[in-house]
Every structure is written in C-alpha cells, then in structure tokens.
Amino acid sequence: MSEVLVVASKVKKYIKDQSGMSTSATVMEALTKSVQSACDQAIENAKREKRKTVMDRDFG
C-alpha cells in the first residue's frame, strides 16, 4: 500500500459521529485509492487546460 492520504482518526470520528458505526482498518486503503484517482484525474484536467495549478474545478 502507498502512503495513506487521509487522516484516519478524522475519518473514524466522522463515521462514528454520523452513524455510531466503527471503521474497518481496510477503509483507509480504499479511501486513499479513491483520493489518488480523483487527484490523478484533476491533474489531467489541469494539464488539458495548460495550467500548472490544480483547482477545485478540476475535480468532478
């Protein structure tokens, strides 16, 4: 697994606060993959627009 890109304690707290549920250890790896994928797509969107800055509009 690559470096985790999410703050595990914050994710676990959010899930607990919203649902009362616990969080599996494998959630951080899955979330990291999702974040990496979103970032990769945003990078490509910025490159396509010939920018050197990734902006909020590059996501989604």
Protein backbone atom coordinates (compact mmCIF):
# COMPACT_ATOMS: atom_id res chain seq x y z
CA MET A 1 0.00 0.00 0.00
CA SER A 2 1.20 3.50 -0.74
CA GLU A 3 1.19 6.34 1.76
CA VAL A 4 -2.23 6.92 3.32
CA LEU A 5 -3.62 10.27 2.13
CA VAL A 6 -6.43 10.61 4.64
CA VAL A 7 -6.35 11.30 8.36
CA ALA A 8 -7.58 8.02 9.83
CA SER A 9 -8.66 9.48 13.16
CA LYS A 10 -10.79 12.14 11.47
CA VAL A 11 -12.44 9.63 9.13
CA LYS A 12 -13.17 7.25 12.01
CA LYS A 13 -14.59 10.09 14.11
CA TYR A 14 -16.78 11.31 11.25
CA ILE A 15 -18.18 7.83 10.62
CA LYS A 16 -18.75 7.26 14.35
CA ASP A 17 -20.41 10.67 14.80
CA GLN A 18 -22.64 10.27 11.74
CA SER A 19 -23.68 6.66 12.23
CA GLY A 20 -22.42 5.23 15.52
CA MET A 21 -20.51 2.67 13.45
CA SER A 22 -16.91 1.54 13.74
CA THR A 23 -14.48 1.73 10.82
CA SER A 24 -12.58 -1.23 9.38
CA ALA A 25 -8.80 -0.89 9.05
CA THR A 26 -9.09 -1.50 5.29
CA VAL A 27 -11.18 1.65 4.82
CA MET A 28 -8.10 3.90 4.80
CA GLU A 29 -6.54 1.98 1.90
CA ALA A 30 -9.80 2.16 -0.09
CA LEU A 31 -10.17 5.89 0.61
CA THR A 32 -6.55 6.53 -0.36
CA LYS A 33 -7.13 4.81 -3.70
CA SER A 34 -10.22 6.97 -4.27
CA VAL A 35 -8.34 10.15 -3.36
CA GLN A 36 -5.40 9.21 -5.60
CA SER A 37 -7.73 8.51 -8.51
CA ALA A 38 -9.56 11.83 -8.04
CA CYS A 39 -6.23 13.70 -7.83
CA ASP A 40 -4.87 11.96 -10.94
CA GLN A 41 -7.99 12.98 -12.90
CA ALA A 42 -7.78 16.55 -11.59
CA ILE A 43 -4.11 16.73 -12.64
CA GLU A 44 -5.04 15.61 -16.15
CA ASN A 45 -7.85 18.19 -16.29
CA ALA A 46 -5.43 20.97 -15.29
CA LYS A 47 -2.85 19.79 -17.86
CA ARG A 48 -5.51 19.74 -20.56
CA GLU A 49 -6.26 23.38 -19.72
CA LYS A 50 -2.50 24.10 -19.86
CA ARG A 51 -2.36 25.15 -16.20
CA LYS A 52 0.29 24.34 -13.61
CA THR A 53 -2.20 24.66 -10.77
CA VAL A 54 -4.84 22.09 -9.88
CA MET A 55 -8.04 23.90 -8.95
CA ASP A 56 -11.30 22.88 -7.34
CA ARG A 57 -13.00 22.87 -10.74
CA ASP A 58 -10.61 20.11 -11.86
CA PHE A 59 -12.36 17.69 -9.51
CA GLY A 60 -15.59 16.29 -10.89
